[in-house]
Amino acid sequence: MKIEELTAKILEKNPSMDRYQLAIAVSTRSDELLNGAISRLNIDQKNVKAADLALMEIAEGLVKVKGFVDLEA
């Protein structure tokens, strides 16, 4: 899935979040991945950039963004 599609999916699921807050969440998760955190996706981390991997994890709901709740859940 393209980065733009992932971003749209996340923002659609979280109407209280804007793209700037999402960028901070992706940055935070990227830092965690670069510092040794294991991805929650079954993807080889060597072949994917940390920021893309973080965005995919957030889009799949495997990583929760602190401060934002899914109102439908």
PDB file of N, CA and C in Angstrom:
ATOM      1  N   MET A   1       0.847  -1.172   0.000  1.00  0.00           N
ATOM      2  CA  MET A   1       0.000   0.000   0.000  1.00  0.00           C
ATOM      3  C   MET A   1       0.897   1.242   0.000  1.00  0.00           C
ATOM      4  N   LYS A   2       0.490   2.250  -0.738  1.00  0.00           N
ATOM      5  CA  LYS A   2       1.272   3.472  -0.831  1.00  0.00           C
ATOM      6  C   LYS A   2       1.197   4.272   0.467  1.00  0.00           C
ATOM      7  N   ILE A   3       2.206   5.083   0.681  1.00  0.00           N
ATOM      8  CA  ILE A   3       2.298   5.907   1.882  1.00  0.00           C
ATOM      9  C   ILE A   3       1.078   6.822   2.003  1.00  0.00           C
ATOM     10  N   GLU A   4       0.649   7.405   0.878  1.00  0.00           N
ATOM     11  CA  GLU A   4      -0.496   8.302   0.895  1.00  0.00           C
ATOM     12  C   GLU A   4      -1.769   7.564   1.325  1.00  0.00           C
ATOM     13  N   GLU A   5      -1.915   6.312   0.857  1.00  0.00           N
ATOM     14  CA  GLU A   5      -3.083   5.510   1.210  1.00  0.00           C
ATOM     15  C   GLU A   5      -3.069   5.144   2.692  1.00  0.00           C
ATOM     16  N   LEU A   6      -1.888   4.810   3.212  1.00  0.00           N
ATOM     17  CA  LEU A   6      -1.764   4.492   4.633  1.00  0.00           C
ATOM     18  C   LEU A   6      -2.104   5.698   5.495  1.00  0.00           C
ATOM     19  N   THR A   7      -1.588   6.847   5.094  1.00  0.00           N
ATOM     20  CA  THR A   7      -1.861   8.076   5.835  1.00  0.00           C
ATOM     21  C   THR A   7      -3.351   8.385   5.837  1.00  0.00           C
ATOM     22  N   ALA A   8      -3.984   8.267   4.686  1.00  0.00           N
ATOM     23  CA  ALA A   8      -5.424   8.526   4.594  1.00  0.00           C
ATOM     24  C   ALA A   8      -6.207   7.541   5.455  1.00  0.00           C
ATOM     25  N   LYS A   9      -5.790   6.276   5.469  1.00  0.00           N
ATOM     26  CA  LYS A   9      -6.465   5.252   6.268  1.00  0.00           C
ATOM     27  C   LYS A   9      -6.397   5.591   7.754  1.00  0.00           C
ATOM     28  N   ILE A  10      -5.231   5.998   8.211  1.00  0.00           N
ATOM     29  CA  ILE A  10      -5.046   6.338   9.629  1.00  0.00           C
ATOM     30  C   ILE A  10      -5.881   7.555  10.007  1.00  0.00           C
ATOM     31  N   LEU A  11      -5.815   8.587   9.182  1.00  0.00           N
ATOM     32  CA  LEU A  11      -6.541   9.823   9.496  1.00  0.00           C
ATOM     33  C   LEU A  11      -8.050   9.627   9.419  1.00  0.00           C
ATOM     34  N   GLU A  12      -8.498   8.717   8.561  1.00  0.00           N
ATOM     35  CA  GLU A  12      -9.922   8.417   8.473  1.00  0.00           C
ATOM     36  C   GLU A  12     -10.415   7.699   9.727  1.00  0.00           C
ATOM     37  N   LYS A  13      -9.588   6.802  10.249  1.00  0.00           N
ATOM     38  CA  LYS A  13      -9.953   6.055  11.457  1.00  0.00           C
ATOM     39  C   LYS A  13      -9.867   6.914  12.711  1.00  0.00           C
ATOM     40  N   ASN A  14      -9.049   7.955  12.673  1.00  0.00           N
ATOM     41  CA  ASN A  14      -8.818   8.823  13.836  1.00  0.00           C
ATOM     42  C   ASN A  14      -9.125  10.267  13.476  1.00  0.00           C
ATOM     43  N   PRO A  15     -10.400  10.652  13.459  1.00  0.00           N
ATOM     44  CA  PRO A  15     -10.747  12.014  13.035  1.00  0.00           C
ATOM     45  C   PRO A  15     -10.212  13.118  13.943  1.00  0.00           C
ATOM     46  N   SER A  16      -9.846  12.778  15.179  1.00  0.00           N
ATOM     47  CA  SER A  16      -9.319  13.808  16.083  1.00  0.00           C
ATOM     48  C   SER A  16      -7.824  14.050  15.868  1.00  0.00           C
ATOM     49  N   MET A  17      -7.199  13.270  15.004  1.00  0.00           N
ATOM     50  CA  MET A  17      -5.766  13.400  14.735  1.00  0.00           C
ATOM     51  C   MET A  17      -5.556  14.137  13.415  1.00  0.00           C
ATOM     52  N   ASP A  18      -4.565  15.026  13.378  1.00  0.00           N
ATOM     53  CA  ASP A  18      -4.240  15.654  12.103  1.00  0.00           C
ATOM     54  C   ASP A  18      -2.889  15.122  11.614  1.00  0.00           C
ATOM     55  N   ARG A  19      -2.500  15.509  10.416  1.00  0.00           N
ATOM     56  CA  ARG A  19      -1.298  14.934   9.810  1.00  0.00           C
ATOM     57  C   ARG A  19      -0.018  15.299  10.560  1.00  0.00           C
ATOM     58  N   TYR A  20      -0.021  16.422  11.244  1.00  0.00           N
ATOM     59  CA  TYR A  20       1.156  16.821  11.997  1.00  0.00           C
ATOM     60  C   TYR A  20       1.339  15.936  13.232  1.00  0.00           C
ATOM     61  N   GLN A  21       0.245  15.621  13.883  1.00  0.00           N
ATOM     62  CA  GLN A  21       0.307  14.723  15.038  1.00  0.00           C
ATOM     63  C   GLN A  21       0.705  13.318  14.588  1.00  0.00           C
ATOM     64  N   LEU A  22       0.213  12.914  13.429  1.00  0.00           N
ATOM     65  CA  LEU A  22       0.592  11.613  12.875  1.00  0.00           C
ATOM     66  C   LEU A  22       2.089  11.583  12.572  1.00  0.00           C
ATOM     67  N   ALA A  23       2.613  12.679  12.051  1.00  0.00           N
ATOM     68  CA  ALA A  23       4.044  12.754  11.746  1.00  0.00           C
ATOM     69  C   ALA A  23       4.877  12.587  13.016  1.00  0.00           C
ATOM     70  N   ILE A  24       4.429  13.165  14.109  1.00  0.00           N
ATOM     71  CA  ILE A  24       5.137  13.019  15.386  1.00  0.00           C
ATOM     72  C   ILE A  24       5.080  11.572  15.857  1.00  0.00           C
ATOM     73  N   ALA A  25       3.915  10.931  15.709  1.00  0.00           N
ATOM     74  CA  ALA A  25       3.768   9.531  16.115  1.00  0.00           C
ATOM     75  C   ALA A  25       4.659   8.630  15.271  1.00  0.00           C
ATOM     76  N   VAL A  26       4.710   8.873  13.973  1.00  0.00           N
ATOM     77  CA  VAL A  26       5.559   8.068  13.087  1.00  0.00           C
ATOM     78  C   VAL A  26       7.028   8.281  13.443  1.00  0.00           C
ATOM     79  N   SER A  27       7.397   9.512  13.726  1.00  0.00           N
ATOM     80  CA  SER A  27       8.773   9.814  14.100  1.00  0.00           C
ATOM     81  C   SER A  27       9.173   9.101  15.393  1.00  0.00           C
ATOM     82  N   THR A  28       8.278   9.125  16.365  1.00  0.00           N
ATOM     83  CA  THR A  28       8.554   8.475  17.643  1.00  0.00           C
ATOM     84  C   THR A  28       8.726   6.975  17.469  1.00  0.00           C
ATOM     85  N   ARG A  29       7.815   6.360  16.717  1.00  0.00           N
ATOM     86  CA  ARG A  29       7.908   4.916  16.489  1.00  0.00           C
ATOM     87  C   ARG A  29       9.135   4.570  15.641  1.00  0.00           C
ATOM     88  N   SER A  30       9.476   5.417  14.679  1.00  0.00           N
ATOM     89  CA  SER A  30      10.666   5.197  13.866  1.00  0.00           C
ATOM     90  C   SER A  30      11.925   5.184  14.725  1.00  0.00           C
ATOM     91  N   ASP A  31      11.997   6.130  15.654  1.00  0.00           N
ATOM     92  CA  ASP A  31      13.133   6.173  16.576  1.00  0.00           C
ATOM     93  C   ASP A  31      13.222   4.886  17.394  1.00  0.00           C
ATOM     94  N   GLU A  32      12.072   4.398  17.856  1.00  0.00           N
ATOM     95  CA  GLU A  32      12.055   3.148  18.616  1.00  0.00           C
ATOM     96  C   GLU A  32      12.583   1.993  17.769  1.00  0.00           C
ATOM     97  N   LEU A  33      12.129   1.928  16.508  1.00  0.00           N
ATOM     98  CA  LEU A  33      12.570   0.857  15.620  1.00  0.00           C
ATOM     99  C   LEU A  33      14.067   0.948  15.325  1.00  0.00           C
ATOM    100  N   LEU A  34      14.548   2.156  15.124  1.00  0.00           N
ATOM    101  CA  LEU A  34      15.978   2.344  14.848  1.00  0.00           C
ATOM    102  C   LEU A  34      16.843   2.043  16.065  1.00  0.00           C
ATOM    103  N   ASN A  35      16.251   2.139  17.250  1.00  0.00           N
ATOM    104  CA  ASN A  35      16.994   1.858  18.478  1.00  0.00           C
ATOM    105  C   ASN A  35      16.806   0.426  18.966  1.00  0.00           C
ATOM    106  N   GLY A  36      16.301  -0.443  18.100  1.00  0.00           N
ATOM    107  CA  GLY A  36      16.263  -1.858  18.436  1.00  0.00           C
ATOM    108  C   GLY A  36      14.915  -2.482  18.709  1.00  0.00           C
ATOM    109  N   ALA A  37      13.841  -1.694  18.682  1.00  0.00           N
ATOM    110  CA  ALA A  37      12.512  -2.274  18.900  1.00  0.00           C
ATOM    111  C   ALA A  37      12.190  -3.230  17.755  1.00  0.00           C
ATOM    112  N   ILE A  38      11.482  -4.294  18.073  1.00  0.00           N
ATOM    113  CA  ILE A  38      11.113  -5.279  17.068  1.00  0.00           C
ATOM    114  C   ILE A  38       9.772  -4.893  16.464  1.00  0.00           C
ATOM    115  N   SER A  39       9.685  -4.970  15.150  1.00  0.00           N
ATOM    116  CA  SER A  39       8.450  -4.635  14.459  1.00  0.00           C
ATOM    117  C   SER A  39       7.355  -5.626  14.822  1.00  0.00           C
ATOM    118  N   ARG A  40       6.136  -5.142  14.860  1.00  0.00           N
ATOM    119  CA  ARG A  40       4.992  -5.995  15.158  1.00  0.00           C
ATOM    120  C   ARG A  40       4.405  -6.590  13.887  1.00  0.00           C
ATOM    121  N   LEU A  41       4.986  -6.251  12.746  1.00  0.00           N
ATOM    122  CA  LEU A  41       4.593  -6.826  11.465  1.00  0.00           C
ATOM    123  C   LEU A  41       5.581  -7.926  11.094  1.00  0.00           C
ATOM    124  N   ASN A  42       5.128  -8.879  10.334  1.00  0.00           N
ATOM    125  CA  ASN A  42       6.010  -9.950   9.882  1.00  0.00           C
ATOM    126  C   ASN A  42       6.708  -9.539   8.594  1.00  0.00           C
ATOM    127  N   ILE A  43       7.528  -8.503   8.706  1.00  0.00           N
ATOM    128  CA  ILE A  43       8.260  -7.962   7.567  1.00  0.00           C
ATOM    129  C   ILE A  43       9.733  -7.871   7.963  1.00  0.00           C
ATOM    130  N   ASP A  44      10.599  -8.189   7.021  1.00  0.00           N
ATOM    131  CA  ASP A  44      12.027  -8.065   7.262  1.00  0.00           C
ATOM    132  C   ASP A  44      12.381  -6.582   7.368  1.00  0.00           C
ATOM    133  N   GLN A  45      12.811  -6.162   8.540  1.00  0.00           N
ATOM    134  CA  GLN A  45      13.092  -4.752   8.796  1.00  0.00           C
ATOM    135  C   GLN A  45      14.245  -4.220   7.965  1.00  0.00           C
ATOM    136  N   LYS A  46      15.086  -5.088   7.440  1.00  0.00           N
ATOM    137  CA  LYS A  46      16.235  -4.643   6.663  1.00  0.00           C
ATOM    138  C   LYS A  46      15.822  -4.068   5.313  1.00  0.00           C
ATOM    139  N   ASN A  47      14.664  -4.489   4.808  1.00  0.00           N
ATOM    140  CA  ASN A  47      14.239  -4.085   3.476  1.00  0.00           C
ATOM    141  C   ASN A  47      13.255  -2.918   3.468  1.00  0.00           C
ATOM    142  N   VAL A  48      12.882  -2.416   4.637  1.00  0.00           N
ATOM    143  CA  VAL A  48      11.875  -1.352   4.734  1.00  0.00           C
ATOM    144  C   VAL A  48      12.432  -0.228   5.610  1.00  0.00           C
ATOM    145  N   LYS A  49      12.206   0.996   5.184  1.00  0.00           N
ATOM    146  CA  LYS A  49      12.628   2.142   5.991  1.00  0.00           C
ATOM    147  C   LYS A  49      11.832   2.173   7.288  1.00  0.00           C
ATOM    148  N   ALA A  50      12.459   2.658   8.334  1.00  0.00           N
ATOM    149  CA  ALA A  50      11.818   2.692   9.656  1.00  0.00           C
ATOM    150  C   ALA A  50      10.541   3.526   9.649  1.00  0.00           C
ATOM    151  N   ALA A  51      10.543   4.646   8.950  1.00  0.00           N
ATOM    152  CA  ALA A  51       9.356   5.501   8.911  1.00  0.00           C
ATOM    153  C   ALA A  51       8.196   4.797   8.201  1.00  0.00           C
ATOM    154  N   ASP A  52       8.493   4.093   7.118  1.00  0.00           N
ATOM    155  CA  ASP A  52       7.450   3.359   6.401  1.00  0.00           C
ATOM    156  C   ASP A  52       6.902   2.233   7.268  1.00  0.00           C
ATOM    157  N   LEU A  53       7.778   1.556   7.960  1.00  0.00           N
ATOM    158  CA  LEU A  53       7.369   0.467   8.836  1.00  0.00           C
ATOM    159  C   LEU A  53       6.496   0.990   9.981  1.00  0.00           C
ATOM    160  N   ALA A  54       6.889   2.117  10.551  1.00  0.00           N
ATOM    161  CA  ALA A  54       6.104   2.725  11.630  1.00  0.00           C
ATOM    162  C   ALA A  54       4.720   3.112  11.131  1.00  0.00           C
ATOM    163  N   LEU A  55       4.642   3.686   9.945  1.00  0.00           N
ATOM    164  CA  LEU A  55       3.354   4.075   9.375  1.00  0.00           C
ATOM    165  C   LEU A  55       2.476   2.849   9.130  1.00  0.00           C
ATOM    166  N   MET A  56       3.069   1.764   8.640  1.00  0.00           N
ATOM    167  CA  MET A  56       2.312   0.531   8.412  1.00  0.00           C
ATOM    168  C   MET A  56       1.778  -0.044   9.724  1.00  0.00           C
ATOM    169  N   GLU A  57       2.593  -0.012  10.769  1.00  0.00           N
ATOM    170  CA  GLU A  57       2.158  -0.524  12.074  1.00  0.00           C
ATOM    171  C   GLU A  57       0.990   0.292  12.624  1.00  0.00           C
ATOM    172  N   ILE A  58       1.072   1.601  12.503  1.00  0.00           N
ATOM    173  CA  ILE A  58      -0.001   2.459  12.996  1.00  0.00           C
ATOM    174  C   ILE A  58      -1.271   2.231  12.178  1.00  0.00           C
ATOM    175  N   ALA A  59      -1.137   2.100  10.861  1.00  0.00           N
ATOM    176  CA  ALA A  59      -2.294   1.882   9.989  1.00  0.00           C
ATOM    177  C   ALA A  59      -3.003   0.562  10.294  1.00  0.00           C
ATOM    178  N   GLU A  60      -2.241  -0.452  10.657  1.00  0.00           N
ATOM    179  CA  GLU A  60      -2.826  -1.761  10.969  1.00  0.00           C
ATOM    180  C   GLU A  60      -3.353  -1.835  12.396  1.00  0.00           C
ATOM    181  N   GLY A  61      -3.120  -0.788  13.173  1.00  0.00           N
ATOM    182  CA  GLY A  61      -3.616  -0.770  14.546  1.00  0.00           C
ATOM    183  C   GLY A  61      -2.738  -1.556  15.502  1.00  0.00           C
ATOM    184  N   LEU A  62      -1.529  -1.887  15.087  1.00  0.00           N
ATOM    185  CA  LEU A  62      -0.622  -2.645  15.941  1.00  0.00           C
ATOM    186  C   LEU A  62       0.097  -1.755  16.935  1.00  0.00           C
ATOM    187  N   VAL A  63       0.138  -0.477  16.641  1.00  0.00           N
ATOM    188  CA  VAL A  63       0.751   0.510  17.531  1.00  0.00           C
ATOM    189  C   VAL A  63      -0.300   1.575  17.797  1.00  0.00           C
ATOM    190  N   LYS A  64      -0.591   1.802  19.037  1.00  0.00           N
ATOM    191  CA  LYS A  64      -1.565   2.821  19.403  1.00  0.00           C
ATOM    192  C   LYS A  64      -0.860   4.151  19.597  1.00  0.00           C
ATOM    193  N   VAL A  65      -1.479   5.197  19.115  1.00  0.00           N
ATOM    194  CA  VAL A  65      -0.926   6.529  19.266  1.00  0.00           C
ATOM    195  C   VAL A  65      -1.474   7.104  20.559  1.00  0.00           C
ATOM    196  N   LYS A  66      -0.593   7.392  21.483  1.00  0.00           N
ATOM    197  CA  LYS A  66      -0.992   7.878  22.806  1.00  0.00           C
ATOM    198  C   LYS A  66      -1.727   9.219  22.685  1.00  0.00           C
ATOM    199  N   GLY A  67      -2.838   9.303  23.370  1.00  0.00           N
ATOM    200  CA  GLY A  67      -3.605  10.537  23.360  1.00  0.00           C
ATOM    201  C   GLY A  67      -4.763  10.540  22.385  1.00  0.00           C
ATOM    202  N   PHE A  68      -4.849   9.491  21.550  1.00  0.00           N
ATOM    203  CA  PHE A  68      -5.934   9.405  20.572  1.00  0.00           C
ATOM    204  C   PHE A  68      -6.650   8.085  20.764  1.00  0.00           C
ATOM    205  N   VAL A  69      -7.959   8.152  20.813  1.00  0.00           N
ATOM    206  CA  VAL A  69      -8.751   6.937  21.003  1.00  0.00           C
ATOM    207  C   VAL A  69      -9.666   6.753  19.808  1.00  0.00           C
ATOM    208  N   ASP A  70      -9.932   5.504  19.500  1.00  0.00           N
ATOM    209  CA  ASP A  70     -10.849   5.173  18.429  1.00  0.00           C
ATOM    210  C   ASP A  70     -12.260   5.227  19.006  1.00  0.00           C
ATOM    211  N   LEU A  71     -13.046   6.165  18.565  1.00  0.00           N
ATOM    212  CA  LEU A  71     -14.379   6.362  19.113  1.00  0.00           C
ATOM    213  C   LEU A  71     -15.330   5.232  18.753  1.00  0.00           C
ATOM    214  N   GLU A  72     -15.034   4.463  17.726  1.00  0.00           N
ATOM    215  CA  GLU A  72     -15.890   3.366  17.299  1.00  0.00           C
ATOM    216  C   GLU A  72     -15.627   2.098  18.086  1.00  0.00           C
ATOM    217  N   ALA A  73     -14.507   2.014  18.765  1.00  0.00           N
ATOM    218  CA  ALA A  73     -14.138   0.789  19.485  1.00  0.00           C
ATOM    219  C   ALA A  73     -14.881   0.657  20.786  1.00  0.00           C
TER     220      ALA A  73
END
